[in-house]
């Protein structure tokens, strides 16, 4: 059936301020755009936007959807303002957590505490002997009680693994803190088998997709295949949720630990709604936990340069493995040392034809690194919300001399480097409007200063385009996604106000009223309201 969308403002996002009166859709694709009177005679059905504003579908280019779903069922520690408050929240949660269950918490950040003290393992032991595992907001640091660490065979005499660190106090005793690869053995000990677990994954993923659609997101590039037992567990959840309930698009990055297994198993996907993505690799950690790899020591920790997850030999082998299967890589790089390590091998082993490698985050760079990136077929997955989250504390961590190339989104775009926008949810707020605001203002809403490194501010067109065309470029789909254009998919994000009009704060107040995927309404705010009446 040919369907005509009209009656509102429709931005193509191909050129700044370009709009069309109407869009004709058939079988999930855009058949034509143009004046209403010319297209209405070809339509069999009309959809009146009633003054709403339509954009190409917004896609979060980097997140962890199942982890995001788990935020609905796990203890949320993001509001804790001190170690004491964090402990009180854990103690309260322990009262309702069965003894046979682990107690999980998410989102603590000592940089937001009035005193940046982190609770100790002994303080957690005093609350509960059964395992407690509390994941920092960055997901590169975790805090456990003694039995959580013992479940991963981490004892007083244990040595830190390559690419990770076991936290110890000045006397060499365990603190309960685990950094990067040191988290893996504890995570591996968490029970993750059986039908009940599959049902659990399906439930939390359903909640994540519901939330994303309500924010106007038509899809996401997500990395979930390695953290929930066998890769078939999360894949089954995606097949259940996308295939049976939701009209939504996911691109599944494949962690290097399961990549070869998935390739050898000839894993089936359900394209174009469940698509195979690049091999995911972590090159370093995060700035919050001081594990991002820097070429010069941290300004506030002169004895530390962070850590590289892999040796040069290991990283080279991983990239070679991806190329053996004609696949691109998507590599987490926060620090400039990690970026330099990765770029060396991307230059040595070029991306397969018609595919692009992805550099995820790129928070601390240098002029020479940006020049090298500009010469490669890469897309940088940026997280604009990192700026208001990390500043001002990150200025002390990096020092003034590195700030010119810290979170340099404008510089990257001006150099012709393709950028996609995401949230790394649950690390940051999954709302695309919060990210767009952060890209444009580089500060928290309500703050009165001109923004952190204001020369790196983006225009709203640039920021929104990273969510539309940029996300399509990240997976080589810019010829069919990311614009409202003939031949492109009929994925639309429809808001109650013009995101280009008014102040940034007014833009931030916009609500998605319809989310459309392949021509079908996947979310309708008016229908949701009726359900609650």
Protein backbone atom coordinates (compact mmCIF):
# COMPACT_ATOMS: atom_id res chain seq x y z
CA UNK A 1 0.00 0.00 0.00
CA UNK A 2 1.29 3.43 -0.96
CA UNK A 3 1.24 5.72 2.02
CA UNK A 4 1.63 9.51 1.98
CA UNK A 5 3.21 11.25 4.97
CA UNK A 6 2.37 14.97 5.02
CA UNK A 7 1.02 17.82 7.11
CA UNK A 8 4.16 18.75 9.00
CA UNK A 9 7.74 19.82 8.55
CA UNK A 10 9.87 17.09 6.95
CA UNK A 11 13.65 17.49 7.05
CA UNK A 12 15.61 15.41 4.54
CA UNK A 13 18.94 15.96 6.38
CA UNK A 14 20.68 15.83 3.00
CA UNK A 15 21.37 19.55 3.11
CA UNK A 16 20.94 22.01 5.95
CA UNK A 17 17.37 23.36 6.24
CA UNK A 18 16.16 21.27 3.28
CA UNK A 19 12.56 20.16 3.66
CA UNK A 20 9.93 18.46 1.52
CA UNK A 21 6.16 18.74 1.73
CA UNK A 22 5.37 15.05 1.54
CA UNK A 23 6.90 11.56 1.41
CA UNK A 24 5.37 8.63 -0.46
CA UNK A 25 6.19 5.23 1.04
CA UNK A 26 5.68 1.71 -0.28
CA UNK A 27 6.91 -1.64 1.09
CA UNK A 28 9.16 0.02 3.64
CA UNK A 29 10.98 2.33 1.21
CA UNK A 30 10.61 5.93 0.09
CA UNK A 31 9.01 5.94 -3.36
CA UNK A 32 8.91 9.70 -3.89
CA UNK A 33 9.18 13.08 -2.18
CA UNK A 34 7.66 16.38 -3.26
CA UNK A 35 4.56 18.57 -3.19
CA UNK A 36 1.46 17.12 -1.54
CA UNK A 37 -0.78 17.84 -4.52
CA UNK A 38 1.49 15.92 -6.89
CA UNK A 39 1.88 12.86 -4.67
CA UNK A 40 -1.59 12.59 -3.13
CA UNK A 41 -3.12 11.13 -6.29
CA UNK A 42 -0.58 8.27 -6.15
CA UNK A 43 -1.29 7.43 -2.52
CA UNK A 44 -3.75 4.87 -1.23
CA UNK A 45 -3.51 6.09 2.35
CA UNK A 46 -2.53 9.33 4.01
CA UNK A 47 -0.81 10.01 7.32
CA UNK A 48 -1.26 13.58 8.51
CA UNK A 49 1.58 14.67 10.79
CA UNK A 50 -0.72 17.35 12.29
CA UNK A 51 2.12 19.85 12.49
CA UNK A 52 4.74 17.46 13.87
CA UNK A 53 8.31 17.44 12.58
CA UNK A 54 9.81 14.41 10.82
CA UNK A 55 13.45 13.42 10.40
CA UNK A 56 15.23 10.34 9.03
CA UNK A 57 15.34 7.62 11.68
CA UNK A 58 17.67 8.34 14.59
CA UNK A 59 20.08 5.48 15.29
CA UNK A 60 22.32 5.18 18.36
CA UNK A 61 25.66 4.18 16.84
CA UNK A 62 27.15 2.63 19.96
CA UNK A 63 25.48 1.17 23.02
CA UNK A 64 24.92 -2.03 24.98
CA UNK A 65 21.21 -2.76 24.75
CA UNK A 66 20.98 -5.69 27.16
CA UNK A 67 23.02 -3.83 29.77
CA UNK A 68 20.65 -0.90 29.24
CA UNK A 69 17.70 -3.21 29.83
CA UNK A 70 19.30 -4.45 33.03
CA UNK A 71 19.21 -0.92 34.43
CA UNK A 72 15.47 -1.46 34.85
CA UNK A 73 15.98 -4.44 37.17
CA UNK A 74 19.30 -3.75 38.94
CA UNK A 75 20.19 -1.37 41.76
CA UNK A 76 20.79 2.10 40.29
CA UNK A 77 23.71 3.76 42.07
CA UNK A 78 24.01 6.76 39.76
CA UNK A 79 22.36 9.09 42.27
CA UNK A 80 24.78 8.25 45.09
CA UNK A 81 26.62 11.39 46.21
CA UNK A 82 29.06 9.73 48.60
CA UNK A 83 30.48 6.37 49.56
CA UNK A 84 28.23 6.35 52.60
CA UNK A 85 25.09 6.95 50.52
CA UNK A 86 26.18 4.25 48.09
CA UNK A 87 26.56 1.79 50.97
CA UNK A 88 23.14 2.72 52.34
CA UNK A 89 21.58 1.98 48.96
CA UNK A 90 23.34 -1.39 48.78
CA UNK A 91 22.28 -2.26 52.32
CA UNK A 92 18.65 -1.47 51.51
CA UNK A 93 18.78 -3.56 48.32
CA UNK A 94 20.32 -6.47 50.23
CA UNK A 95 17.16 -6.75 52.34
CA UNK A 96 15.14 -7.85 49.30
CA UNK A 97 17.81 -9.88 47.49
CA UNK A 98 17.49 -13.66 48.05
CA UNK A 99 20.55 -15.32 49.56
CA UNK A 100 21.00 -17.52 46.47
CA UNK A 101 21.14 -14.47 44.18
CA UNK A 102 24.01 -12.09 43.46
CA UNK A 103 23.35 -8.44 44.33
CA UNK A 104 24.16 -6.27 41.32
CA UNK A 105 24.46 -2.50 41.27
CA UNK A 106 25.20 -0.14 38.37
CA UNK A 107 26.36 3.41 37.70
CA UNK A 108 28.40 4.64 40.66
CA UNK A 109 30.88 7.43 39.94
CA UNK A 110 33.25 8.64 42.64
CA UNK A 111 33.95 11.79 40.61
CA UNK A 112 30.45 13.00 41.53
CA UNK A 113 30.89 12.25 45.25
CA UNK A 114 31.38 15.10 47.72
CA UNK A 115 34.44 13.12 48.84
CA UNK A 116 35.82 10.83 46.10
CA UNK A 117 36.31 7.92 48.52
CA UNK A 118 35.17 4.55 47.13
CA UNK A 119 33.62 1.99 49.50
CA UNK A 120 35.88 -0.87 50.53
CA UNK A 121 35.49 -4.61 50.17
CA UNK A 122 35.21 -4.90 53.96
CA UNK A 123 32.29 -2.45 53.99
CA UNK A 124 30.48 -4.57 51.42
CA UNK A 125 31.28 -7.74 53.40
CA UNK A 126 29.63 -6.17 56.43
CA UNK A 127 26.40 -5.80 54.46
CA UNK A 128 26.26 -9.27 52.93
CA UNK A 129 28.41 -12.39 52.71
CA UNK A 130 26.79 -13.53 49.45
CA UNK A 131 28.27 -11.99 46.28
CA UNK A 132 27.91 -8.27 45.63
CA UNK A 133 29.16 -6.79 42.36
CA UNK A 134 28.83 -3.06 41.71
CA UNK A 135 29.77 -1.80 38.24
CA UNK A 136 31.15 1.70 37.81
CA UNK A 137 29.39 4.00 35.32
CA UNK A 138 32.14 3.45 32.72
CA UNK A 139 31.84 -0.37 32.90
CA UNK A 140 35.64 -0.57 33.06
CA UNK A 141 35.78 -0.80 36.86
CA UNK A 142 33.82 -3.00 39.27
CA UNK A 143 33.70 -3.24 43.05
CA UNK A 144 32.98 -6.58 44.68
CA UNK A 145 32.81 -8.07 48.12
CA UNK A 146 35.12 -10.94 49.04
CA UNK A 147 32.82 -13.74 47.93
CA UNK A 148 32.27 -12.09 44.55
CA UNK A 149 36.03 -12.00 44.03
CA UNK A 150 36.41 -15.58 45.29
CA UNK A 151 33.78 -16.70 42.78
CA UNK A 152 36.28 -15.56 40.15
CA UNK A 153 39.16 -17.21 42.02
CA UNK A 154 40.65 -13.82 42.95
CA UNK A 155 42.50 -14.11 46.27
CA UNK A 156 45.06 -12.08 48.20
CA UNK A 157 47.91 -13.78 46.37
CA UNK A 158 46.35 -13.40 42.89
CA UNK A 159 48.32 -11.46 40.28
CA UNK A 160 46.78 -8.88 37.96
CA UNK A 161 46.07 -10.23 34.47
CA UNK A 162 47.42 -8.69 31.28
CA UNK A 163 45.15 -5.80 30.30
CA UNK A 164 43.70 -5.47 33.78
CA UNK A 165 44.46 -4.71 37.39
CA UNK A 166 43.36 -6.07 40.76
CA UNK A 167 42.98 -3.15 43.17
CA UNK A 168 45.07 -3.15 46.35
CA UNK A 169 45.65 -0.72 49.20
CA UNK A 170 49.04 0.58 50.35
CA UNK A 171 49.61 -2.59 52.36
CA UNK A 172 48.91 -4.75 49.30
CA UNK A 173 45.53 -6.02 50.49
CA UNK A 174 42.56 -6.43 48.16
CA UNK A 175 40.27 -3.41 47.97
CA UNK A 176 37.51 -5.15 45.99
CA UNK A 177 38.20 -2.99 42.95
CA UNK A 178 38.76 -4.68 39.61
CA UNK A 179 39.89 -2.91 36.45
CA UNK A 180 39.14 -4.01 32.87
CA UNK A 181 40.35 -7.59 32.20
CA UNK A 182 40.50 -8.29 35.94
CA UNK A 183 36.69 -8.16 35.96
CA UNK A 184 36.39 -11.05 33.49
CA UNK A 185 36.84 -14.04 35.86
CA UNK A 186 34.24 -12.67 38.26
CA UNK A 187 31.82 -11.94 35.43
CA UNK A 188 32.37 -15.46 34.10
CA UNK A 189 31.30 -16.91 37.46
CA UNK A 190 27.84 -15.31 37.31
CA UNK A 191 25.20 -17.99 36.53
CA UNK A 192 24.12 -17.49 32.90
CA UNK A 193 22.42 -20.64 31.66
CA UNK A 194 19.00 -22.17 31.15
CA UNK A 195 15.54 -21.24 29.97
CA UNK A 196 14.92 -18.90 32.89
CA UNK A 197 18.03 -16.92 31.98
CA UNK A 198 16.93 -16.68 28.34
CA UNK A 199 13.56 -15.39 29.52
CA UNK A 200 15.35 -12.84 31.70
CA UNK A 201 17.47 -11.60 28.78
CA UNK A 202 14.37 -11.38 26.60
CA UNK A 203 12.52 -9.37 29.22
CA UNK A 204 15.27 -6.80 29.82
CA UNK A 205 15.91 -6.44 26.09
CA UNK A 206 12.21 -5.81 25.51
CA UNK A 207 12.38 -3.00 28.05
CA UNK A 208 15.42 -1.50 26.34
CA UNK A 209 13.77 -1.53 22.90
CA UNK A 210 10.56 -0.07 24.32
CA UNK A 211 12.58 2.77 25.81
CA UNK A 212 14.59 3.41 22.65
CA UNK A 213 11.49 3.58 20.48
CA UNK A 214 9.91 6.03 22.93
CA UNK A 215 12.88 8.35 22.40
CA UNK A 216 12.48 8.26 18.62
CA UNK A 217 15.28 5.77 17.99
CA UNK A 218 14.65 3.44 15.05
CA UNK A 219 17.74 1.32 15.71
CA UNK A 220 21.02 0.83 17.48
CA UNK A 221 24.48 -0.57 16.92
CA UNK A 222 24.92 -2.71 20.00
CA UNK A 223 27.63 -4.85 21.56
CA UNK A 224 26.18 -7.71 23.62
CA UNK A 225 27.44 -11.02 22.25
CA UNK A 226 30.14 -11.76 24.86
CA UNK A 227 28.70 -10.88 28.25
CA UNK A 228 25.76 -13.19 28.82
CA UNK A 229 27.09 -16.71 28.63
CA UNK A 230 27.19 -18.42 25.24
CA UNK A 231 26.71 -15.96 22.36
CA UNK A 232 23.55 -17.87 21.48
CA UNK A 233 21.92 -16.49 24.65
CA UNK A 234 21.85 -12.80 23.70
CA UNK A 235 21.35 -13.66 20.03
CA UNK A 236 18.26 -15.68 20.93
CA UNK A 237 16.95 -12.75 22.95
CA UNK A 238 17.39 -10.43 19.96
CA UNK A 239 15.66 -12.92 17.67
CA UNK A 240 12.75 -13.16 20.09
CA UNK A 241 12.39 -9.43 20.69
CA UNK A 242 13.02 -8.07 17.19
CA UNK A 243 11.47 -10.97 15.37
CA UNK A 244 8.35 -11.43 17.46
CA UNK A 245 7.46 -8.10 19.07
CA UNK A 246 9.29 -5.03 17.80
CA UNK A 247 9.90 -3.43 14.46
CA UNK A 248 13.42 -2.17 15.05
CA UNK A 249 16.91 -2.39 13.53
CA UNK A 250 19.98 -3.68 15.36
CA UNK A 251 23.55 -4.05 14.12
CA UNK A 252 25.27 -6.59 16.36
CA UNK A 253 28.95 -5.94 16.95
CA UNK A 254 30.76 -9.20 17.64
CA UNK A 255 33.30 -9.17 20.47
CA UNK A 256 36.63 -10.66 19.47
CA UNK A 257 36.24 -13.40 22.10
CA UNK A 258 33.25 -14.88 20.24
CA UNK A 259 33.87 -13.57 16.71
CA UNK A 260 35.59 -16.67 15.32
CA UNK A 261 33.07 -18.98 16.95
CA UNK A 262 30.19 -17.03 15.41
CA UNK A 263 31.85 -17.05 12.00
CA UNK A 264 32.61 -20.77 12.10
CA UNK A 265 29.05 -21.51 13.22
CA UNK A 266 27.78 -19.60 10.18
CA UNK A 267 25.47 -17.75 12.54
CA UNK A 268 22.18 -16.78 10.94
CA UNK A 269 20.84 -13.25 11.26
CA UNK A 270 17.55 -11.67 10.20
CA UNK A 271 18.59 -8.85 7.91
CA UNK A 272 17.76 -6.02 7.54
CA UNK A 273 16.43 -5.88 11.12
CA UNK A 274 19.09 -8.01 12.85
CA UNK A 275 22.42 -7.49 11.10
CA UNK A 276 25.95 -8.79 11.72
CA UNK A 277 28.38 -6.05 12.66
CA UNK A 278 32.13 -5.57 12.88
CA UNK A 279 34.51 -7.36 15.25
CA UNK A 280 34.59 -5.41 18.53
CA UNK A 281 37.95 -4.91 20.23
CA UNK A 282 38.86 -2.99 23.38
CA UNK A 283 42.23 -1.28 23.09
CA UNK A 284 42.21 0.47 26.48
CA UNK A 285 40.05 1.42 29.44
CA UNK A 286 38.41 4.67 30.52
CA UNK A 287 39.45 8.06 31.86
CA UNK A 288 37.17 7.82 34.88
CA UNK A 289 39.01 4.79 36.20
CA UNK A 290 42.38 6.11 34.93
CA UNK A 291 42.76 3.06 32.67
CA UNK A 292 42.62 4.86 29.31
CA UNK A 293 46.04 4.50 27.67
CA UNK A 294 47.86 7.83 27.34
CA UNK A 295 51.19 8.55 25.67
CA UNK A 296 52.16 10.85 28.55
CA UNK A 297 51.27 10.12 32.20
CA UNK A 298 48.06 11.40 33.77
CA UNK A 299 48.47 14.93 35.08
CA UNK A 300 46.97 13.96 38.44
CA UNK A 301 48.72 10.56 38.57
CA UNK A 302 52.25 11.07 37.23
CA UNK A 303 53.15 7.43 37.84
CA UNK A 304 50.41 6.11 35.55
CA UNK A 305 49.76 6.14 31.81
CA UNK A 306 46.74 3.84 31.99
CA UNK A 307 46.83 0.46 30.30
CA UNK A 308 46.63 -1.16 26.91
CA UNK A 309 44.34 -4.20 26.86
CA UNK A 310 46.40 -6.04 24.23
CA UNK A 311 50.05 -6.27 23.29
CA UNK A 312 50.92 -5.20 19.76
CA UNK A 313 51.19 -8.85 18.75
CA UNK A 314 47.77 -9.70 20.19
CA UNK A 315 46.08 -6.73 18.57
CA UNK A 316 47.68 -7.50 15.21
CA UNK A 317 46.41 -11.08 15.40
CA UNK A 318 42.87 -9.92 16.15
CA UNK A 319 42.78 -7.52 13.21
CA UNK A 320 44.25 -10.20 10.95
CA UNK A 321 41.48 -12.55 12.11
CA UNK A 322 38.81 -10.03 11.15
CA UNK A 323 40.40 -9.56 7.74
CA UNK A 324 40.49 -13.33 7.16
CA UNK A 325 36.70 -13.20 7.30
CA UNK A 326 36.52 -10.02 5.19
CA UNK A 327 35.25 -8.05 8.15
CA UNK A 328 35.82 -4.60 9.59
CA UNK A 329 36.78 -3.89 13.18
CA UNK A 330 35.22 -1.56 15.73
CA UNK A 331 37.83 -0.62 18.31
CA UNK A 332 37.33 1.10 21.65
CA UNK A 333 39.98 3.82 21.97
CA UNK A 334 39.81 6.46 24.70
CA UNK A 335 43.42 7.55 25.04
CA UNK A 336 45.91 8.69 22.41
CA UNK A 337 48.28 5.78 23.10
CA UNK A 338 45.49 3.34 22.28
CA UNK A 339 44.62 5.31 19.14
CA UNK A 340 48.23 5.18 17.97
CA UNK A 341 48.45 1.43 18.57
CA UNK A 342 45.25 0.76 16.63
CA UNK A 343 45.97 3.11 13.72
CA UNK A 344 49.28 1.36 13.05
CA UNK A 345 47.49 -1.90 12.33
CA UNK A 346 44.58 -0.35 10.44
CA UNK A 347 47.15 1.19 8.11
CA UNK A 348 48.95 -2.13 7.80
CA UNK A 349 45.78 -4.16 7.18
CA UNK A 350 43.27 -1.99 5.26
CA UNK A 351 39.54 -2.46 5.70
CA UNK A 352 37.79 -4.77 3.21
CA UNK A 353 36.27 -3.18 0.15
CA UNK A 354 32.98 -1.37 0.81
CA UNK A 355 33.47 -1.63 4.59
CA UNK A 356 34.77 0.84 7.17
CA UNK A 357 36.57 0.35 10.43
CA UNK A 358 35.17 2.14 13.44
CA UNK A 359 37.07 3.99 16.14
CA UNK A 360 34.83 4.15 19.18
CA UNK A 361 35.06 7.19 21.50
CA UNK A 362 38.34 8.87 20.45
CA UNK A 363 38.34 11.10 23.50
CA UNK A 364 42.02 12.05 23.64
CA UNK A 365 43.79 12.51 20.31
CA UNK A 366 46.68 14.45 18.78
CA UNK A 367 47.18 16.37 15.55
CA UNK A 368 49.28 13.60 14.01
CA UNK A 369 46.68 10.97 14.89
CA UNK A 370 43.86 12.98 13.35
CA UNK A 371 45.85 13.35 10.13
CA UNK A 372 46.29 9.59 9.99
CA UNK A 373 42.61 9.00 10.69
CA UNK A 374 41.64 11.36 7.86
CA UNK A 375 43.61 9.23 5.42
CA UNK A 376 41.75 6.04 6.36
CA UNK A 377 38.21 4.80 5.58
CA UNK A 378 37.18 5.06 9.23
CA UNK A 379 34.17 6.33 11.11
CA UNK A 380 34.56 7.70 14.63
CA UNK A 381 31.75 6.75 16.99
CA UNK A 382 31.53 9.76 19.32
CA UNK A 383 29.57 10.11 22.54
CA UNK A 384 28.79 13.82 22.95
CA UNK A 385 27.37 13.26 26.44
CA UNK A 386 30.85 12.34 27.67
CA UNK A 387 31.70 16.06 27.66
CA UNK A 388 29.23 17.25 30.33
CA UNK A 389 29.79 13.99 32.26
CA UNK A 390 33.58 14.16 32.33
CA UNK A 391 34.19 17.88 32.68
CA UNK A 392 35.44 19.57 34.80
CA UNK A 393 37.28 16.72 36.60
CA UNK A 394 38.86 15.46 33.36
CA UNK A 395 40.78 18.74 32.99
CA UNK A 396 42.81 17.90 36.10
CA UNK A 397 43.28 14.34 34.90
CA UNK A 398 44.57 15.31 31.45
CA UNK A 399 46.25 18.65 32.10
CA UNK A 400 45.90 21.78 29.98
CA UNK A 401 48.32 20.73 27.26
CA UNK A 402 46.06 17.88 26.11
CA UNK A 403 42.74 19.70 26.10
CA UNK A 404 43.01 21.06 22.55
CA UNK A 405 42.47 17.53 21.22
CA UNK A 406 40.18 16.23 23.96
CA UNK A 407 36.68 15.26 22.78
CA UNK A 408 37.43 17.04 19.47
CA UNK A 409 34.23 16.33 17.54
CA UNK A 410 34.28 19.58 15.55
CA UNK A 411 37.89 19.08 14.52
CA UNK A 412 37.11 15.58 13.27
CA UNK A 413 34.16 16.74 11.16
CA UNK A 414 36.09 19.71 9.79
CA UNK A 415 38.86 17.35 8.67
CA UNK A 416 36.32 15.35 6.67
CA UNK A 417 36.28 12.41 9.08
CA UNK A 418 32.89 10.72 9.24
CA UNK A 419 31.36 10.70 12.72
CA UNK A 420 28.41 8.80 14.12
CA UNK A 421 26.71 9.59 17.42
CA UNK A 422 25.80 7.28 20.24
CA UNK A 423 25.53 7.16 23.99
CA UNK A 424 27.41 4.04 25.11
CA UNK A 425 24.27 3.44 27.17
CA UNK A 426 23.97 2.59 29.96
CA UNK A 427 27.13 4.64 30.48
CA UNK A 428 25.23 7.78 29.39
CA UNK A 429 21.58 8.78 29.10
CA UNK A 430 20.13 6.94 26.11
CA UNK A 431 18.13 9.99 24.97
CA UNK A 432 19.38 11.22 21.57
CA UNK A 433 18.24 14.74 22.43
CA UNK A 434 20.48 14.78 25.50
CA UNK A 435 23.42 13.82 23.26
CA UNK A 436 22.53 16.43 20.65
CA UNK A 437 22.30 19.07 23.37
CA UNK A 438 25.73 18.01 24.68
CA UNK A 439 27.26 18.21 21.19
CA UNK A 440 25.84 21.69 20.62
CA UNK A 441 26.34 23.22 24.08
CA UNK A 442 29.15 21.11 25.63
CA UNK A 443 27.78 21.59 29.13
CA UNK A 444 24.99 20.34 31.37
CA UNK A 445 21.51 21.85 30.91
CA UNK A 446 21.10 24.88 33.14
CA UNK A 447 24.79 25.72 33.38
CA UNK A 448 25.51 29.32 32.42
CA UNK A 449 29.09 29.15 31.08
CA UNK A 450 29.89 29.02 27.36
CA UNK A 451 30.68 25.32 27.35
CA UNK A 452 33.77 23.19 27.83
CA UNK A 453 36.16 23.80 24.91
CA UNK A 454 33.47 25.84 23.08
CA UNK A 455 35.48 25.87 19.84
CA UNK A 456 34.47 22.20 19.51
CA UNK A 457 30.72 22.91 19.59
CA UNK A 458 28.69 21.48 16.71
CA UNK A 459 25.74 23.03 14.93
CA UNK A 460 22.42 21.29 15.48
CA UNK A 461 22.50 20.12 11.88
CA UNK A 462 25.91 18.50 12.42
CA UNK A 463 24.82 16.91 15.69
CA UNK A 464 21.54 15.51 14.36
CA UNK A 465 23.20 14.30 11.16
CA UNK A 466 25.56 12.16 13.22
CA UNK A 467 22.47 10.32 14.47
CA UNK A 468 21.05 9.85 10.98
CA UNK A 469 23.54 9.78 8.12
CA UNK A 470 26.53 9.28 10.41
CA UNK A 471 25.12 6.09 11.90
CA UNK A 472 24.38 4.82 8.39
CA UNK A 473 27.95 5.59 7.29
CA UNK A 474 29.28 3.60 10.24
CA UNK A 475 27.88 0.40 8.74
CA UNK A 476 28.25 1.32 5.05
CA UNK A 477 24.52 1.89 4.57
CA UNK A 478 24.55 5.60 3.67
CA UNK A 479 23.20 4.75 0.20
CA UNK A 480 19.91 3.56 1.73
CA UNK A 481 19.63 4.93 5.28
CA UNK A 482 20.08 8.20 7.12
CA UNK A 483 18.26 10.55 4.73
CA UNK A 484 14.71 11.16 3.58
CA UNK A 485 15.37 10.48 -0.06
CA UNK A 486 13.95 8.36 -2.88
CA UNK A 487 15.10 4.76 -2.58
CA UNK A 488 15.98 5.04 1.11
CA UNK A 489 14.30 3.09 3.89
CA UNK A 490 11.17 4.60 5.40
CA UNK A 491 12.61 4.99 8.91
CA UNK A 492 11.36 8.19 10.53
CA UNK A 493 11.75 9.91 13.90
CA UNK A 494 8.83 12.28 14.47
CA UNK A 495 8.88 14.90 17.21
CA UNK A 496 6.35 17.34 18.61
CA UNK A 497 8.56 20.33 17.82
CA UNK A 498 11.23 21.48 15.42
CA UNK A 499 14.64 20.53 16.77
CA UNK A 500 16.20 23.38 14.79
CA UNK A 501 13.95 26.08 16.29
CA UNK A 502 14.21 27.92 19.58
CA UNK A 503 16.88 27.57 22.23
CA UNK A 504 18.80 24.41 22.94
CA UNK A 505 16.85 24.02 26.17
CA UNK A 506 13.59 24.18 24.21
CA UNK A 507 14.94 21.56 21.81
CA UNK A 508 15.76 19.37 24.78
CA UNK A 509 12.10 19.45 25.83
CA UNK A 510 10.93 17.84 22.57
CA UNK A 511 9.12 14.50 22.71
CA UNK A 512 9.03 11.75 20.12
CA UNK A 513 5.42 11.23 19.14
CA UNK A 514 5.93 8.53 16.50
CA UNK A 515 8.79 6.21 15.60
CA UNK A 516 8.52 4.55 12.20
CA UNK A 517 10.60 1.61 10.99
CA UNK A 518 10.30 0.36 7.40
CA UNK A 519 7.08 2.31 7.00
CA UNK A 520 5.41 0.80 10.08
CA UNK A 521 4.62 2.76 13.22
CA UNK A 522 6.68 1.03 15.92
CA UNK A 523 5.84 3.58 18.62
CA UNK A 524 2.98 6.05 18.98
CA UNK A 525 2.97 8.28 22.05
CA UNK A 526 -0.76 8.92 21.73
CA UNK A 527 -1.48 5.20 21.78
CA UNK A 528 0.80 4.75 24.79
CA UNK A 529 -1.12 7.44 26.65
CA UNK A 530 -4.41 5.72 25.92
CA UNK A 531 -3.06 2.44 27.36
CA UNK A 532 -2.36 4.15 30.69
CA UNK A 533 -5.78 5.77 31.01
